[in-house]
Protein backbone atom coordinates (compact mmCIF):
# COMPACT_ATOMS: atom_id res chain seq x y z
CA MET A 1 -14.03 5.43 -6.76
CA LEU A 2 -13.45 3.35 -3.68
CA TRP A 3 -12.27 -0.26 -3.68
CA GLY A 4 -11.53 -2.77 -0.98
CA ILE A 5 -7.99 -4.15 -1.04
CA ARG A 6 -6.75 -7.12 0.98
CA VAL A 7 -3.19 -6.39 2.05
CA GLN A 8 -1.47 -9.50 3.32
CA GLY A 9 1.83 -8.89 5.03
CA ARG A 10 3.85 -10.97 7.44
CA GLU A 11 2.82 -8.80 10.42
CA ARG A 12 -0.49 -7.32 9.25
CA ASP A 13 -3.31 -8.74 7.18
CA ALA A 14 -6.30 -6.47 6.61
CA VAL A 15 -8.71 -5.00 4.12
CA VAL A 16 -8.21 -1.29 3.49
CA VAL A 17 -10.06 1.12 1.24
CA TRP A 18 -8.29 2.49 -1.80
CA ALA A 19 -9.52 5.77 -3.28
CA GLY A 20 -8.73 6.01 -6.98
CA SER A 21 -8.88 9.13 -9.09
CA GLU A 22 -8.42 10.05 -12.71
CA GLU A 23 -4.90 11.24 -11.89
CA ALA A 24 -2.68 8.42 -10.57
CA GLU A 25 -0.80 11.00 -8.49
CA GLN A 26 -4.03 11.56 -6.55
CA ASP A 27 -4.66 7.89 -5.69
CA ARG A 28 -4.46 7.15 -1.99
CA VAL A 29 -5.40 4.71 0.70
CA LEU A 30 -8.32 6.06 2.71
CA THR A 31 -7.41 7.38 6.15
CA VAL A 32 -9.27 9.34 8.81
CA GLN A 33 -8.11 12.11 11.09
CA GLY A 34 -7.24 10.91 14.59
CA ALA A 35 -6.12 12.81 17.67
CA GLY A 36 -2.44 12.36 16.78
CA GLY A 37 -2.63 12.45 12.98
CA ARG A 38 -3.89 10.24 10.18
CA VAL A 39 -5.28 6.82 11.12
CA LEU A 40 -5.67 3.88 8.72
CA PRO A 41 -9.07 2.16 8.95
CA VAL A 42 -8.58 -1.61 8.68
CA PHE A 43 -11.26 -4.26 8.28
CA ARG A 44 -11.58 -8.05 8.47
CA ASN A 45 -13.38 -8.23 5.14
CA GLU A 46 -14.84 -6.16 2.34
CA GLY A 47 -18.34 -6.28 3.85
CA GLN A 48 -17.11 -4.57 7.00
CA ALA A 49 -15.39 -1.90 4.89
CA SER A 50 -18.59 -1.43 2.92
CA ARG A 51 -20.65 -0.89 6.10
CA PHE A 52 -18.10 1.67 7.33
CA LEU A 53 -18.33 3.58 4.06
CA ARG A 54 -22.16 3.49 4.02
CA GLY A 55 -22.04 5.22 7.41
CA ARG A 56 -20.05 7.99 5.72
CA GLY A 57 -22.46 8.24 2.79
CA GLU A 58 -20.02 6.46 0.45
CA ARG A 59 -19.83 3.02 -1.09
CA LEU A 60 -17.39 0.55 -2.57
CA ALA A 61 -17.28 0.16 -6.33
CA ALA A 62 -18.46 -3.23 -7.61
CA ARG A 63 -14.98 -4.12 -8.81
CA GLY A 64 -14.37 -6.91 -6.31
CA PRO A 65 -11.52 -7.28 -3.89
CA ALA A 66 -7.96 -6.60 -5.01
CA PHE A 67 -4.93 -8.18 -3.37
CA VAL A 68 -1.48 -6.91 -2.41
CA GLY A 69 0.92 -9.67 -1.38
CA LEU A 70 3.28 -7.82 0.90
CA ALA A 71 4.32 -11.11 2.52
CA GLN A 72 5.94 -12.19 -0.77
CA VAL A 73 7.75 -8.86 -1.01
CA GLU A 74 8.87 -9.09 2.63
CA ARG A 75 10.34 -12.57 2.02
CA TRP A 76 12.23 -11.19 -0.96
CA LEU A 77 13.52 -8.23 1.07
CA LYS A 78 14.73 -10.52 3.88
CA GLY A 79 16.54 -12.86 1.50
CA PRO A 80 19.76 -12.52 -0.43
CA ALA A 81 19.92 -9.58 -2.81
CA GLU A 82 20.03 -11.89 -5.83
CA ARG A 83 16.82 -13.76 -4.89
CA GLY A 84 14.16 -13.34 -7.54
CA ILE A 85 10.58 -12.14 -7.26
CA GLU A 86 7.75 -11.71 -9.76
CA ALA A 87 7.43 -8.22 -11.18
CA GLY A 88 3.70 -8.14 -10.38
CA TRP A 89 4.30 -8.52 -6.63
CA VAL A 90 6.77 -5.65 -6.64
CA LEU A 91 4.60 -3.40 -8.82
CA GLU A 92 1.47 -3.92 -6.68
CA ALA A 93 3.44 -3.35 -3.46
CA TRP A 94 5.18 -0.24 -4.81
CA ASN A 95 1.90 1.32 -5.95
CA PHE A 96 0.11 0.43 -2.71
CA LEU A 97 2.90 1.78 -0.50
CA GLU A 98 3.04 5.08 -2.37
CA ASP A 99 -0.75 5.41 -2.06
CA LEU A 100 -0.51 4.54 1.65
CA ALA A 101 2.12 7.26 2.14
CA ARG A 102 -0.14 9.72 0.32
CA GLY A 103 -3.16 8.78 2.48
CA LEU A 104 -1.18 9.00 5.71
CA ASP A 105 0.53 12.22 4.56
CA ALA A 106 3.77 10.38 5.31
CA TRP A 107 5.92 10.85 2.20
CA GLN A 108 8.88 11.60 4.43
CA GLN A 109 8.88 7.92 5.48
CA LEU A 110 9.81 6.86 1.93
CA PRO A 111 13.14 7.67 0.31
CA ALA A 112 13.11 10.43 -2.29
CA GLN A 113 12.68 8.94 -5.74
CA GLY A 114 14.72 9.89 -8.76
CA ALA A 115 15.85 8.65 -12.15
CA VAL A 116 17.08 5.30 -10.80
CA HIS A 117 13.63 4.60 -9.29
CA ASN A 118 11.90 5.68 -12.50
CA SER A 119 14.04 3.34 -14.57
CA ALA A 120 13.44 0.40 -12.22
CA TYR A 121 9.68 1.13 -12.16
CA ASP A 122 9.51 1.24 -15.97
CA LYS A 123 11.19 -2.17 -16.14
CA LEU A 124 8.48 -3.64 -13.90
CA PHE A 125 5.90 -3.15 -16.66
CA GLY A 126 7.93 -5.21 -19.10
CA ASP A 127 8.65 -7.89 -16.48
CA GLU A 128 12.32 -6.97 -16.87
CA ILE A 129 13.47 -7.28 -13.25
CA ALA A 130 16.37 -9.43 -14.44
CA THR A 131 17.76 -6.37 -16.23
CA TRP A 132 17.77 -4.12 -13.15
CA THR A 133 21.15 -2.61 -12.49
CA PRO A 134 22.60 -3.06 -8.99
CA GLU A 135 21.66 0.57 -8.31
CA GLU A 136 18.05 0.00 -9.41
CA ARG A 137 17.75 -3.16 -7.31
CA ALA A 138 19.16 -1.34 -4.25
CA ALA A 139 16.82 1.63 -4.76
CA VAL A 140 13.76 -0.63 -5.05
CA ARG A 141 14.75 -2.63 -1.99
CA GLU A 142 15.28 0.57 0.02
CA LEU A 143 11.91 2.00 -1.06
CA LEU A 144 9.99 -1.21 -0.36
CA THR A 145 11.73 -1.76 2.97
CA ALA A 146 10.73 1.75 4.09
CA GLY A 147 7.19 1.22 2.80
CA VAL A 148 6.74 -2.12 4.58
CA THR A 149 8.01 -0.51 7.79
CA MET A 150 5.41 2.25 7.32
CA TRP A 151 2.65 -0.36 6.77
CA ASN A 152 3.65 -2.32 9.86
CA SER A 153 3.95 0.74 12.11
CA CYS A 154 1.19 3.14 11.03
CA VAL A 155 -1.66 3.77 13.45
CA THR A 156 -4.71 1.69 12.56
CA ALA A 157 -8.27 1.51 13.79
CA ARG A 158 -10.76 -1.34 13.49
CA ALA A 159 -14.47 -0.73 12.81
CA GLY A 160 -15.53 -0.54 16.49
CA ARG A 161 -12.86 2.04 17.33
CA LEU A 162 -13.77 4.04 14.23
CA ARG A 163 -17.37 4.31 15.47
CA ARG A 164 -16.12 5.59 18.85
CA MET A 165 -13.98 8.14 17.02
CA GLY A 166 -17.16 9.36 15.32
CA ARG A 167 -16.01 8.39 11.84
């Protein structure tokens, strides 16, 4: 299923299309093949994304727009290490950034994840950020910093350019 997601960061604010599957490991942000690699289609609103998908013979699910507040996460990353943040902001950003890496085929831009990441991720579900160890906090900050850099630097295309690309 395809859903529109508003991603609001400090440098970029756009609607993207998220492609969900029955296996979470298969979820990804929709990308298209460009001359130099994967390109992220970005839209001003969900209607524009819907028109793009109709041109491809696809459509958005009637779920309604989702939201990823990367700006909140970026403020947290720029602040002192002990500054707090809501678990939901971190969880949404983490999931989105992994799915973006999968869509862009850019896993190498994120740090390898291990047991420390898994432990920190599990604590997000119980809203237990306050119990993160210093190692967990550092691992999460490193992962999210790399992911935000990927979001801010990946090649994007707006609807008009996508039409010229033949997508």
